[in-house]
Amino acid sequence: MGYYIRILGTSLAVPPLAELQNAVRPATLDDGGVGDEWGSLVLKHESGVEIAVIEKNTVKDGELGAEEIEEFVDEVQHRKPDSAAAWLRDYLPSVKVIYAFQLLSGTDVDNGFDQMHAAWGLLWEYAGGILQADQEGFSNEAGFTILWQFSDHVSGDWNAAVLDTSGRWIQFEMDLGNQSHREAFWRGEVPPGAKLL
């Protein structure tokens, strides 16, 4: 199973395939010949090396998108901080579409990550919503991580957010490897010494 990042969109608006293709140049998008009605795209370098597979799943009862949302609702209740888990349980039922990006080997060569990010950014612009990344967590609508799903060995600076008592997101940069920063975040607090953004 590969590494996935997802857009959990609240709008069914989709960019025309030509606009998406233009955003990723010089890479290409293989739509399987279905054009704007695509359900899956393969983002490739000009050489043919695959960068990412992009799947679009609308959230409808009995379909994959709805099953994924149910799994996410179950999953978040066991994560920290509690305030973000509660916010996500309320938010996730509003998701109408999931764009799942499976990152492939081409992401790491010839600016592949930048081309993947261009597709991801344009789809997020149209769909709105929040983000989710395997082994990282969920974001708020501004793209700041709000729910911890990192491994114990993670380190480095990271943009995160916690809810204040009025329900407003406080955004900051934390050090993922700093235990006191982690524990404050898990409690739903801005870590001591974190840089407010």
C-alpha atoms as a PDB file:
ATOM      1  CA  MET A   1       0.000   0.000   0.000  1.00  0.00           C
ATOM      2  CA  GLY A   2       1.403   3.379  -1.002  1.00  0.00           C
ATOM      3  CA  TYR A   3       1.550   6.743   0.698  1.00  0.00           C
ATOM      4  CA  TYR A   4      -1.574   8.875   0.254  1.00  0.00           C
ATOM      5  CA  ILE A   5      -2.516  12.484   0.793  1.00  0.00           C
ATOM      6  CA  ARG A   6      -6.146  13.468   0.451  1.00  0.00           C
ATOM      7  CA  ILE A   7      -8.317  16.487  -0.149  1.00  0.00           C
ATOM      8  CA  LEU A   8     -11.624  16.097   1.683  1.00  0.00           C
ATOM      9  CA  GLY A   9     -13.641  18.597  -0.332  1.00  0.00           C
ATOM     10  CA  THR A  10     -16.920  20.268   0.540  1.00  0.00           C
ATOM     11  CA  SER A  11     -17.698  21.334  -3.043  1.00  0.00           C
ATOM     12  CA  LEU A  12     -18.240  19.166  -6.117  1.00  0.00           C
ATOM     13  CA  ALA A  13     -16.778  21.896  -8.368  1.00  0.00           C
ATOM     14  CA  VAL A  14     -13.985  20.442 -10.506  1.00  0.00           C
ATOM     15  CA  PRO A  15     -11.507  22.293 -12.722  1.00  0.00           C
ATOM     16  CA  PRO A  16     -11.726  21.479 -16.429  1.00  0.00           C
ATOM     17  CA  LEU A  17      -9.185  18.818 -17.312  1.00  0.00           C
ATOM     18  CA  ALA A  18      -7.450  21.285 -19.655  1.00  0.00           C
ATOM     19  CA  GLU A  19      -6.896  23.697 -16.735  1.00  0.00           C
ATOM     20  CA  LEU A  20      -5.536  20.884 -14.579  1.00  0.00           C
ATOM     21  CA  GLN A  21      -3.262  19.750 -17.416  1.00  0.00           C
ATOM     22  CA  ASN A  22      -1.953  23.280 -17.862  1.00  0.00           C
ATOM     23  CA  ALA A  23      -1.188  23.528 -14.110  1.00  0.00           C
ATOM     24  CA  VAL A  24       1.093  20.464 -14.130  1.00  0.00           C
ATOM     25  CA  ARG A  25       3.128  21.188 -17.289  1.00  0.00           C
ATOM     26  CA  PRO A  26       5.586  19.906 -18.401  1.00  0.00           C
ATOM     27  CA  ALA A  27       4.143  16.764 -16.763  1.00  0.00           C
ATOM     28  CA  THR A  28       1.079  15.157 -18.323  1.00  0.00           C
ATOM     29  CA  LEU A  29      -2.183  13.696 -17.055  1.00  0.00           C
ATOM     30  CA  ASP A  30      -3.475  10.406 -18.437  1.00  0.00           C
ATOM     31  CA  ASP A  31      -7.275  10.401 -18.084  1.00  0.00           C
ATOM     32  CA  GLY A  32      -7.859   7.071 -19.830  1.00  0.00           C
ATOM     33  CA  GLY A  33      -9.665   8.912 -22.610  1.00  0.00           C
ATOM     34  CA  VAL A  34     -12.683  10.048 -20.570  1.00  0.00           C
ATOM     35  CA  GLY A  35     -11.871  13.777 -20.375  1.00  0.00           C
ATOM     36  CA  ASP A  36     -13.660  15.930 -17.807  1.00  0.00           C
ATOM     37  CA  GLU A  37     -15.620  12.927 -16.479  1.00  0.00           C
ATOM     38  CA  TRP A  38     -12.457  11.332 -15.068  1.00  0.00           C
ATOM     39  CA  GLY A  39     -12.482   9.259 -11.922  1.00  0.00           C
ATOM     40  CA  SER A  40      -8.764   8.521 -11.963  1.00  0.00           C
ATOM     41  CA  LEU A  41      -5.750  10.309 -13.431  1.00  0.00           C
ATOM     42  CA  VAL A  42      -2.104   9.320 -13.712  1.00  0.00           C
ATOM     43  CA  LEU A  43       0.326  12.223 -13.430  1.00  0.00           C
ATOM     44  CA  LYS A  44       3.502  11.463 -15.399  1.00  0.00           C
ATOM     45  CA  HIS A  45       6.785  13.071 -16.301  1.00  0.00           C
ATOM     46  CA  GLU A  46       7.432  13.634 -20.005  1.00  0.00           C
ATOM     47  CA  SER A  47       9.668  10.549 -19.795  1.00  0.00           C
ATOM     48  CA  GLY A  48       6.662   8.456 -18.756  1.00  0.00           C
ATOM     49  CA  VAL A  49       7.784   7.993 -15.139  1.00  0.00           C
ATOM     50  CA  GLU A  50       4.668   8.128 -12.961  1.00  0.00           C
ATOM     51  CA  ILE A  51       4.477  10.828 -10.286  1.00  0.00           C
ATOM     52  CA  ALA A  52       1.087  10.124  -8.718  1.00  0.00           C
ATOM     53  CA  VAL A  53      -2.262   8.465  -9.214  1.00  0.00           C
ATOM     54  CA  ILE A  54      -5.166  10.792  -8.436  1.00  0.00           C
ATOM     55  CA  GLU A  55      -8.528   9.210  -7.635  1.00  0.00           C
ATOM     56  CA  LYS A  56     -11.785  11.155  -7.316  1.00  0.00           C
ATOM     57  CA  ASN A  57     -14.520   9.599  -5.159  1.00  0.00           C
ATOM     58  CA  THR A  58     -17.774  11.386  -4.462  1.00  0.00           C
ATOM     59  CA  VAL A  59     -19.271  10.735  -1.044  1.00  0.00           C
ATOM     60  CA  LYS A  60     -22.474   8.787  -1.745  1.00  0.00           C
ATOM     61  CA  ASP A  61     -24.144   6.112   0.372  1.00  0.00           C
ATOM     62  CA  GLY A  62     -22.848   2.659  -0.467  1.00  0.00           C
ATOM     63  CA  GLU A  63     -19.795   3.942  -2.354  1.00  0.00           C
ATOM     64  CA  LEU A  64     -16.087   4.119  -1.484  1.00  0.00           C
ATOM     65  CA  GLY A  65     -16.123   7.825  -0.578  1.00  0.00           C
ATOM     66  CA  ALA A  66     -18.826   7.346   2.063  1.00  0.00           C
ATOM     67  CA  GLU A  67     -17.006   4.299   3.474  1.00  0.00           C
ATOM     68  CA  GLU A  68     -13.788   6.326   3.783  1.00  0.00           C
ATOM     69  CA  ILE A  69     -15.587   9.123   5.654  1.00  0.00           C
ATOM     70  CA  GLU A  70     -17.065   6.565   8.081  1.00  0.00           C
ATOM     71  CA  GLU A  71     -13.572   5.136   8.676  1.00  0.00           C
ATOM     72  CA  PHE A  72     -12.163   8.616   9.291  1.00  0.00           C
ATOM     73  CA  VAL A  73     -14.938   9.435  11.790  1.00  0.00           C
ATOM     74  CA  ASP A  74     -14.118   6.221  13.685  1.00  0.00           C
ATOM     75  CA  GLU A  75     -10.365   6.836  13.490  1.00  0.00           C
ATOM     76  CA  VAL A  76     -10.306  10.429  14.748  1.00  0.00           C
ATOM     77  CA  GLN A  77     -12.055   9.651  18.021  1.00  0.00           C
ATOM     78  CA  HIS A  78      -8.899   7.859  19.207  1.00  0.00           C
ATOM     79  CA  ARG A  79      -6.549  10.769  18.393  1.00  0.00           C
ATOM     80  CA  LYS A  80      -5.408  13.951  20.094  1.00  0.00           C
ATOM     81  CA  PRO A  81      -6.215  16.706  20.760  1.00  0.00           C
ATOM     82  CA  ASP A  82      -9.786  15.912  21.836  1.00  0.00           C
ATOM     83  CA  SER A  83     -11.040  19.321  20.656  1.00  0.00           C
ATOM     84  CA  ALA A  84      -9.825  18.652  17.105  1.00  0.00           C
ATOM     85  CA  ALA A  85     -11.240  15.118  17.135  1.00  0.00           C
ATOM     86  CA  ALA A  86     -14.657  16.527  18.104  1.00  0.00           C
ATOM     87  CA  TRP A  87     -14.400  19.249  15.433  1.00  0.00           C
ATOM     88  CA  LEU A  88     -13.562  16.635  12.797  1.00  0.00           C
ATOM     89  CA  ARG A  89     -16.429  14.344  13.813  1.00  0.00           C
ATOM     90  CA  ASP A  90     -18.769  17.294  13.191  1.00  0.00           C
ATOM     91  CA  TYR A  91     -16.998  18.412  10.008  1.00  0.00           C
ATOM     92  CA  LEU A  92     -16.449  15.130   8.147  1.00  0.00           C
ATOM     93  CA  PRO A  93     -20.144  14.518   7.312  1.00  0.00           C
ATOM     94  CA  SER A  94     -20.053  17.740   5.223  1.00  0.00           C
ATOM     95  CA  VAL A  95     -17.411  16.263   2.865  1.00  0.00           C
ATOM     96  CA  LYS A  96     -18.771  15.690  -0.660  1.00  0.00           C
ATOM     97  CA  VAL A  97     -15.692  14.471  -2.533  1.00  0.00           C
ATOM     98  CA  ILE A  98     -12.346  12.858  -1.767  1.00  0.00           C
ATOM     99  CA  TYR A  99      -9.307  13.339  -3.986  1.00  0.00           C
ATOM    100  CA  ALA A 100      -6.746  10.710  -3.038  1.00  0.00           C
ATOM    101  CA  PHE A 101      -3.189  11.204  -4.297  1.00  0.00           C
ATOM    102  CA  GLN A 102      -1.006   8.095  -4.217  1.00  0.00           C
ATOM    103  CA  LEU A 103       2.573   9.365  -4.420  1.00  0.00           C
ATOM    104  CA  LEU A 104       4.855   7.299  -6.671  1.00  0.00           C
ATOM    105  CA  SER A 105       8.591   7.232  -7.401  1.00  0.00           C
ATOM    106  CA  GLY A 106       8.385  10.111  -9.894  1.00  0.00           C
ATOM    107  CA  THR A 107       7.512  12.455  -7.040  1.00  0.00           C
ATOM    108  CA  ASP A 108      11.184  12.444  -6.009  1.00  0.00           C
ATOM    109  CA  VAL A 109      12.738  13.295  -9.402  1.00  0.00           C
ATOM    110  CA  ASP A 110      12.673  16.211 -11.872  1.00  0.00           C
ATOM    111  CA  ASN A 111      10.440  18.453  -9.739  1.00  0.00           C
ATOM    112  CA  GLY A 112       7.782  15.747  -9.552  1.00  0.00           C
ATOM    113  CA  PHE A 113       6.643  16.880  -6.112  1.00  0.00           C
ATOM    114  CA  ASP A 114       6.087  20.422  -7.445  1.00  0.00           C
ATOM    115  CA  GLN A 115       3.973  19.106 -10.321  1.00  0.00           C
ATOM    116  CA  MET A 116       1.957  16.919  -7.969  1.00  0.00           C
ATOM    117  CA  HIS A 117       1.531  19.912  -5.658  1.00  0.00           C
ATOM    118  CA  ALA A 118       0.243  22.019  -8.582  1.00  0.00           C
ATOM    119  CA  ALA A 119      -2.508  19.472  -9.306  1.00  0.00           C
ATOM    120  CA  TRP A 120      -3.304  19.123  -5.616  1.00  0.00           C
ATOM    121  CA  GLY A 121      -3.451  22.915  -5.120  1.00  0.00           C
ATOM    122  CA  LEU A 122      -5.822  23.474  -8.038  1.00  0.00           C
ATOM    123  CA  LEU A 123      -8.152  20.659  -6.966  1.00  0.00           C
ATOM    124  CA  TRP A 124      -8.168  21.994  -3.381  1.00  0.00           C
ATOM    125  CA  GLU A 125      -8.937  25.495  -4.684  1.00  0.00           C
ATOM    126  CA  TYR A 126     -12.051  24.156  -6.425  1.00  0.00           C
ATOM    127  CA  ALA A 127     -13.165  21.596  -3.808  1.00  0.00           C
ATOM    128  CA  GLY A 128     -12.334  23.512  -0.612  1.00  0.00           C
ATOM    129  CA  GLY A 129     -12.374  21.502   2.573  1.00  0.00           C
ATOM    130  CA  ILE A 130      -9.583  19.992   4.619  1.00  0.00           C
ATOM    131  CA  LEU A 131      -6.563  17.751   4.075  1.00  0.00           C
ATOM    132  CA  GLN A 132      -5.421  14.386   5.382  1.00  0.00           C
ATOM    133  CA  ALA A 133      -2.022  12.738   4.969  1.00  0.00           C
ATOM    134  CA  ASP A 134      -0.998   9.229   5.956  1.00  0.00           C
ATOM    135  CA  GLN A 135       1.177   9.170   9.097  1.00  0.00           C
ATOM    136  CA  GLU A 136       0.708  12.915   9.601  1.00  0.00           C
ATOM    137  CA  GLY A 137      -2.903  13.760  10.341  1.00  0.00           C
ATOM    138  CA  PHE A 138      -5.783  15.997   9.383  1.00  0.00           C
ATOM    139  CA  SER A 139      -5.668  19.721   8.694  1.00  0.00           C
ATOM    140  CA  ASN A 140      -8.136  22.550   9.132  1.00  0.00           C
ATOM    141  CA  GLU A 141      -9.421  24.476   6.100  1.00  0.00           C
ATOM    142  CA  ALA A 142      -6.263  26.616   6.101  1.00  0.00           C
ATOM    143  CA  GLY A 143      -4.031  23.529   5.775  1.00  0.00           C
ATOM    144  CA  PHE A 144      -2.608  23.535   9.328  1.00  0.00           C
ATOM    145  CA  THR A 145      -2.338  20.138  11.036  1.00  0.00           C
ATOM    146  CA  ILE A 146      -4.939  19.793  13.794  1.00  0.00           C
ATOM    147  CA  LEU A 147      -4.860  16.069  14.679  1.00  0.00           C
ATOM    148  CA  TRP A 148      -1.727  14.088  15.553  1.00  0.00           C
ATOM    149  CA  GLN A 149      -1.070  10.916  13.557  1.00  0.00           C
ATOM    150  CA  PHE A 150       2.730  11.098  13.395  1.00  0.00           C
ATOM    151  CA  SER A 151       5.123   8.342  14.422  1.00  0.00           C
ATOM    152  CA  ASP A 152       7.079   8.671  17.672  1.00  0.00           C
ATOM    153  CA  HIS A 153      10.280   9.279  15.684  1.00  0.00           C
ATOM    154  CA  VAL A 154       9.132  12.343  13.738  1.00  0.00           C
ATOM    155  CA  SER A 155      11.083  15.604  14.028  1.00  0.00           C
ATOM    156  CA  GLY A 156      11.330  19.019  12.400  1.00  0.00           C
ATOM    157  CA  ASP A 157       9.345  22.245  12.274  1.00  0.00           C
ATOM    158  CA  TRP A 158       5.654  21.898  11.389  1.00  0.00           C
ATOM    159  CA  ASN A 159       2.644  24.179  10.975  1.00  0.00           C
ATOM    160  CA  ALA A 160      -0.196  23.220  13.312  1.00  0.00           C
ATOM    161  CA  ALA A 161      -3.307  24.711  14.899  1.00  0.00           C
ATOM    162  CA  VAL A 162      -5.454  24.234  18.009  1.00  0.00           C
ATOM    163  CA  LEU A 163      -8.913  25.529  18.858  1.00  0.00           C
ATOM    164  CA  ASP A 164      -9.225  28.272  21.459  1.00  0.00           C
ATOM    165  CA  THR A 165     -12.170  28.459  23.868  1.00  0.00           C
ATOM    166  CA  SER A 166     -14.207  30.486  21.357  1.00  0.00           C
ATOM    167  CA  GLY A 167     -13.765  27.866  18.614  1.00  0.00           C
ATOM    168  CA  ARG A 168     -11.181  29.877  16.655  1.00  0.00           C
ATOM    169  CA  TRP A 169      -8.053  28.241  15.238  1.00  0.00           C
ATOM    170  CA  ILE A 170      -4.747  29.450  16.694  1.00  0.00           C
ATOM    171  CA  GLN A 171      -2.024  28.676  14.159  1.00  0.00           C
ATOM    172  CA  PHE A 172       1.647  28.196  15.000  1.00  0.00           C
ATOM    173  CA  GLU A 173       4.897  26.480  14.082  1.00  0.00           C
ATOM    174  CA  MET A 174       5.960  23.698  16.439  1.00  0.00           C
ATOM    175  CA  ASP A 175       8.936  21.376  16.729  1.00  0.00           C
ATOM    176  CA  LEU A 176       7.588  17.861  16.172  1.00  0.00           C
ATOM    177  CA  GLY A 177      10.570  16.299  17.956  1.00  0.00           C
ATOM    178  CA  ASN A 178      10.138  18.407  21.115  1.00  0.00           C
ATOM    179  CA  GLN A 179       8.269  16.334  23.719  1.00  0.00           C
ATOM    180  CA  SER A 180       6.885  19.386  25.537  1.00  0.00           C
ATOM    181  CA  HIS A 181       5.569  20.730  22.206  1.00  0.00           C
ATOM    182  CA  ARG A 182       3.924  17.376  21.478  1.00  0.00           C
ATOM    183  CA  GLU A 183       2.283  17.123  24.883  1.00  0.00           C
ATOM    184  CA  ALA A 184       0.921  20.684  24.708  1.00  0.00           C
ATOM    185  CA  PHE A 185      -0.493  20.020  21.241  1.00  0.00           C
ATOM    186  CA  TRP A 186      -2.083  16.760  22.430  1.00  0.00           C
ATOM    187  CA  ARG A 187      -3.801  18.763  25.196  1.00  0.00           C
ATOM    188  CA  GLY A 188      -5.073  21.247  22.596  1.00  0.00           C
ATOM    189  CA  GLU A 189      -2.711  24.012  23.719  1.00  0.00           C
ATOM    190  CA  VAL A 190      -0.203  26.203  21.896  1.00  0.00           C
ATOM    191  CA  PRO A 191       3.200  24.732  22.829  1.00  0.00           C
ATOM    192  CA  PRO A 192       5.471  26.918  24.986  1.00  0.00           C
ATOM    193  CA  GLY A 193       7.848  28.847  22.755  1.00  0.00           C
ATOM    194  CA  ALA A 194       5.977  27.963  19.546  1.00  0.00           C
ATOM    195  CA  LYS A 195       5.995  30.663  16.876  1.00  0.00           C
ATOM    196  CA  LEU A 196       2.491  32.038  16.238  1.00  0.00           C
ATOM    197  CA  LEU A 197       1.598  32.354  12.546  1.00  0.00           C
END
